[in-house]
Amino acid sequence: LPILGQYIYIERKANSMRVCEIEVFYDKVLSIYPSVNVTASDQHGIASAIWKPVDGVKGISNSNSWLSLVSSNSWWRLELPRRSVISSVVIYTRPLDSRKKSELNGFVVCVGDSVIGNG
């Protein structure tokens, strides 16, 4: 079901969090966000800048993704230009490495109208 909101908040409560690209379908169009605000709990070095998940490049390499520090509560937030009807949020991460669990395990996606309380 579509949901109304201006903020997309993604968190993972264990280890680190890697996001290669995020697509948000809102108001019946796909957003590539040339001028949205993004914030994050932290970032693992300069190469993993917080804007990389919204750069429009669907690369799945380490150099084309945001990676948080290892912590108990990693998060990343996108602010849309206005309150919108959000029909879908698609998260891209690296392919599953046979030695690791899925990098999407433990992800929580919230949509809302406030930066307080995770959306």
C-alpha atoms as a PDB file:
ATOM      1  CA  LEU A   1       0.000   0.000   0.000  1.00  0.00           C
ATOM      2  CA  PRO A   2       1.248   3.508  -0.748  1.00  0.00           C
ATOM      3  CA  ILE A   3       2.126   5.678   2.236  1.00  0.00           C
ATOM      4  CA  LEU A   4       2.324   9.450   2.615  1.00  0.00           C
ATOM      5  CA  GLY A   5       5.594  10.960   3.855  1.00  0.00           C
ATOM      6  CA  GLN A   6       8.596  13.183   3.228  1.00  0.00           C
ATOM      7  CA  TYR A   7      11.360  11.161   4.917  1.00  0.00           C
ATOM      8  CA  ILE A   8      12.675   7.690   4.147  1.00  0.00           C
ATOM      9  CA  TYR A   9      14.644   6.278   7.078  1.00  0.00           C
ATOM     10  CA  ILE A  10      16.632   3.047   6.829  1.00  0.00           C
ATOM     11  CA  GLU A  11      18.299   1.401   9.798  1.00  0.00           C
ATOM     12  CA  ARG A  12      20.101  -1.761  10.744  1.00  0.00           C
ATOM     13  CA  LYS A  13      20.580  -2.530  14.409  1.00  0.00           C
ATOM     14  CA  ALA A  14      23.613  -4.797  14.110  1.00  0.00           C
ATOM     15  CA  ASN A  15      27.056  -4.632  12.541  1.00  0.00           C
ATOM     16  CA  SER A  16      27.461  -2.156   9.698  1.00  0.00           C
ATOM     17  CA  MET A  17      25.163  -1.183   6.875  1.00  0.00           C
ATOM     18  CA  ARG A  18      25.993  -0.943   3.145  1.00  0.00           C
ATOM     19  CA  VAL A  19      23.712   0.680   0.575  1.00  0.00           C
ATOM     20  CA  CYS A  20      24.695   0.897  -3.101  1.00  0.00           C
ATOM     21  CA  GLU A  21      21.587   2.593  -4.478  1.00  0.00           C
ATOM     22  CA  ILE A  22      18.087   3.520  -3.329  1.00  0.00           C
ATOM     23  CA  GLU A  23      15.140   4.148  -5.619  1.00  0.00           C
ATOM     24  CA  VAL A  24      11.998   5.748  -4.253  1.00  0.00           C
ATOM     25  CA  PHE A  25       8.833   5.641  -6.345  1.00  0.00           C
ATOM     26  CA  TYR A  26       6.620   8.530  -5.318  1.00  0.00           C
ATOM     27  CA  ASP A  27       3.761  10.485  -6.861  1.00  0.00           C
ATOM     28  CA  LYS A  28       3.754   7.827  -9.641  1.00  0.00           C
ATOM     29  CA  VAL A  29       7.333   8.590 -10.784  1.00  0.00           C
ATOM     30  CA  LEU A  30      10.783   7.265  -9.972  1.00  0.00           C
ATOM     31  CA  SER A  31      12.914   9.785  -8.133  1.00  0.00           C
ATOM     32  CA  ILE A  32      16.612  10.064  -8.934  1.00  0.00           C
ATOM     33  CA  TYR A  33      16.938  12.987  -6.488  1.00  0.00           C
ATOM     34  CA  PRO A  34      19.284  15.544  -7.968  1.00  0.00           C
ATOM     35  CA  SER A  35      18.814  17.822  -4.980  1.00  0.00           C
ATOM     36  CA  VAL A  36      17.547  15.928  -1.946  1.00  0.00           C
ATOM     37  CA  ASN A  37      18.999  16.052   1.539  1.00  0.00           C
ATOM     38  CA  VAL A  38      20.596  12.918   2.951  1.00  0.00           C
ATOM     39  CA  THR A  39      21.975  12.302   6.429  1.00  0.00           C
ATOM     40  CA  ALA A  40      23.445   9.251   8.113  1.00  0.00           C
ATOM     41  CA  SER A  41      24.641   7.949  11.443  1.00  0.00           C
ATOM     42  CA  ASP A  42      28.230   8.001  10.135  1.00  0.00           C
ATOM     43  CA  GLN A  43      30.314   6.818   7.210  1.00  0.00           C
ATOM     44  CA  HIS A  44      33.246   4.450   6.883  1.00  0.00           C
ATOM     45  CA  GLY A  45      35.860   6.729   5.331  1.00  0.00           C
ATOM     46  CA  ILE A  46      35.706   9.415   2.669  1.00  0.00           C
ATOM     47  CA  ALA A  47      35.131   6.944  -0.185  1.00  0.00           C
ATOM     48  CA  SER A  48      31.779   5.806   1.207  1.00  0.00           C
ATOM     49  CA  ALA A  49      30.015   9.176   1.077  1.00  0.00           C
ATOM     50  CA  ILE A  50      26.392   9.333   2.247  1.00  0.00           C
ATOM     51  CA  TRP A  51      25.148  10.705  -1.114  1.00  0.00           C
ATOM     52  CA  LYS A  52      26.238   7.626  -3.101  1.00  0.00           C
ATOM     53  CA  PRO A  53      22.910   5.755  -2.672  1.00  0.00           C
ATOM     54  CA  VAL A  54      21.158   8.590  -4.537  1.00  0.00           C
ATOM     55  CA  ASP A  55      23.685   9.301  -7.295  1.00  0.00           C
ATOM     56  CA  GLY A  56      21.662   7.426  -9.921  1.00  0.00           C
ATOM     57  CA  VAL A  57      24.398   4.816 -10.488  1.00  0.00           C
ATOM     58  CA  LYS A  58      23.280   1.253  -9.763  1.00  0.00           C
ATOM     59  CA  GLY A  59      26.815  -0.070  -9.354  1.00  0.00           C
ATOM     60  CA  ILE A  60      27.199  -2.716  -6.692  1.00  0.00           C
ATOM     61  CA  SER A  61      30.874  -2.310  -5.915  1.00  0.00           C
ATOM     62  CA  ASN A  62      32.401  -1.114  -2.676  1.00  0.00           C
ATOM     63  CA  SER A  63      33.515   2.120  -4.345  1.00  0.00           C
ATOM     64  CA  ASN A  64      29.955   2.946  -5.379  1.00  0.00           C
ATOM     65  CA  SER A  65      28.210   2.563  -2.031  1.00  0.00           C
ATOM     66  CA  TRP A  66      27.732   4.113   1.383  1.00  0.00           C
ATOM     67  CA  LEU A  67      29.070   2.032   4.249  1.00  0.00           C
ATOM     68  CA  SER A  68      28.497   2.847   7.905  1.00  0.00           C
ATOM     69  CA  LEU A  69      30.898   2.209  10.699  1.00  0.00           C
ATOM     70  CA  VAL A  70      30.358  -0.979  12.692  1.00  0.00           C
ATOM     71  CA  SER A  71      27.872   0.038  15.368  1.00  0.00           C
ATOM     72  CA  SER A  72      24.748  -1.116  17.129  1.00  0.00           C
ATOM     73  CA  ASN A  73      22.491   1.351  15.297  1.00  0.00           C
ATOM     74  CA  SER A  74      23.442   2.390  11.765  1.00  0.00           C
ATOM     75  CA  TRP A  75      20.969   4.551   9.859  1.00  0.00           C
ATOM     76  CA  TRP A  76      20.564   6.565   6.640  1.00  0.00           C
ATOM     77  CA  ARG A  77      17.803   9.118   5.903  1.00  0.00           C
ATOM     78  CA  LEU A  78      16.553  10.808   2.741  1.00  0.00           C
ATOM     79  CA  GLU A  79      14.387  13.921   2.716  1.00  0.00           C
ATOM     80  CA  LEU A  80      12.158  14.309  -0.332  1.00  0.00           C
ATOM     81  CA  PRO A  81      11.434  17.835  -1.608  1.00  0.00           C
ATOM     82  CA  ARG A  82       7.856  17.611  -0.296  1.00  0.00           C
ATOM     83  CA  ARG A  83       5.392  15.252   1.351  1.00  0.00           C
ATOM     84  CA  SER A  84       4.578  12.623  -1.270  1.00  0.00           C
ATOM     85  CA  VAL A  85       2.693   9.387  -1.867  1.00  0.00           C
ATOM     86  CA  ILE A  86       5.433   6.739  -1.704  1.00  0.00           C
ATOM     87  CA  SER A  87       4.544   3.492  -3.423  1.00  0.00           C
ATOM     88  CA  SER A  88       7.872   1.672  -3.283  1.00  0.00           C
ATOM     89  CA  VAL A  89      11.396   1.841  -1.872  1.00  0.00           C
ATOM     90  CA  VAL A  90      14.024  -0.347  -3.579  1.00  0.00           C
ATOM     91  CA  ILE A  91      17.403  -0.908  -1.899  1.00  0.00           C
ATOM     92  CA  TYR A  92      20.398  -2.244  -3.820  1.00  0.00           C
ATOM     93  CA  THR A  93      23.413  -3.708  -2.053  1.00  0.00           C
ATOM     94  CA  ARG A  94      26.270  -6.011  -3.030  1.00  0.00           C
ATOM     95  CA  PRO A  95      25.513  -9.536  -4.246  1.00  0.00           C
ATOM     96  CA  LEU A  96      25.373 -12.130  -1.517  1.00  0.00           C
ATOM     97  CA  ASP A  97      28.794 -13.391  -0.546  1.00  0.00           C
ATOM     98  CA  SER A  98      28.622 -17.092   0.276  1.00  0.00           C
ATOM     99  CA  ARG A  99      30.685 -16.460   3.425  1.00  0.00           C
ATOM    100  CA  LYS A 100      28.280 -13.846   4.817  1.00  0.00           C
ATOM    101  CA  LYS A 101      24.609 -13.494   5.555  1.00  0.00           C
ATOM    102  CA  SER A 102      22.641 -11.213   3.267  1.00  0.00           C
ATOM    103  CA  GLU A 103      23.598  -7.576   3.684  1.00  0.00           C
ATOM    104  CA  LEU A 104      19.873  -6.766   3.784  1.00  0.00           C
ATOM    105  CA  ASN A 105      19.201  -8.913   6.864  1.00  0.00           C
ATOM    106  CA  GLY A 106      18.020  -6.717   9.697  1.00  0.00           C
ATOM    107  CA  PHE A 107      17.175  -3.658   7.555  1.00  0.00           C
ATOM    108  CA  VAL A 108      14.138  -1.627   8.625  1.00  0.00           C
ATOM    109  CA  VAL A 109      12.598   0.974   6.283  1.00  0.00           C
ATOM    110  CA  CYS A 110      10.368   3.706   7.733  1.00  0.00           C
ATOM    111  CA  VAL A 111       8.458   6.434   5.914  1.00  0.00           C
ATOM    112  CA  GLY A 112       7.058   9.485   7.662  1.00  0.00           C
ATOM    113  CA  ASP A 113       6.898  13.241   8.099  1.00  0.00           C
ATOM    114  CA  SER A 114       9.430  13.880  10.862  1.00  0.00           C
ATOM    115  CA  VAL A 115      13.145  13.447  11.527  1.00  0.00           C
ATOM    116  CA  ILE A 116      12.181  12.636  15.115  1.00  0.00           C
ATOM    117  CA  GLY A 117      11.285   9.031  15.869  1.00  0.00           C
ATOM    118  CA  ASN A 118      12.636   7.620  12.596  1.00  0.00           C
ATOM    119  CA  GLY A 119      10.156   9.234  10.278  1.00  0.00           C
END
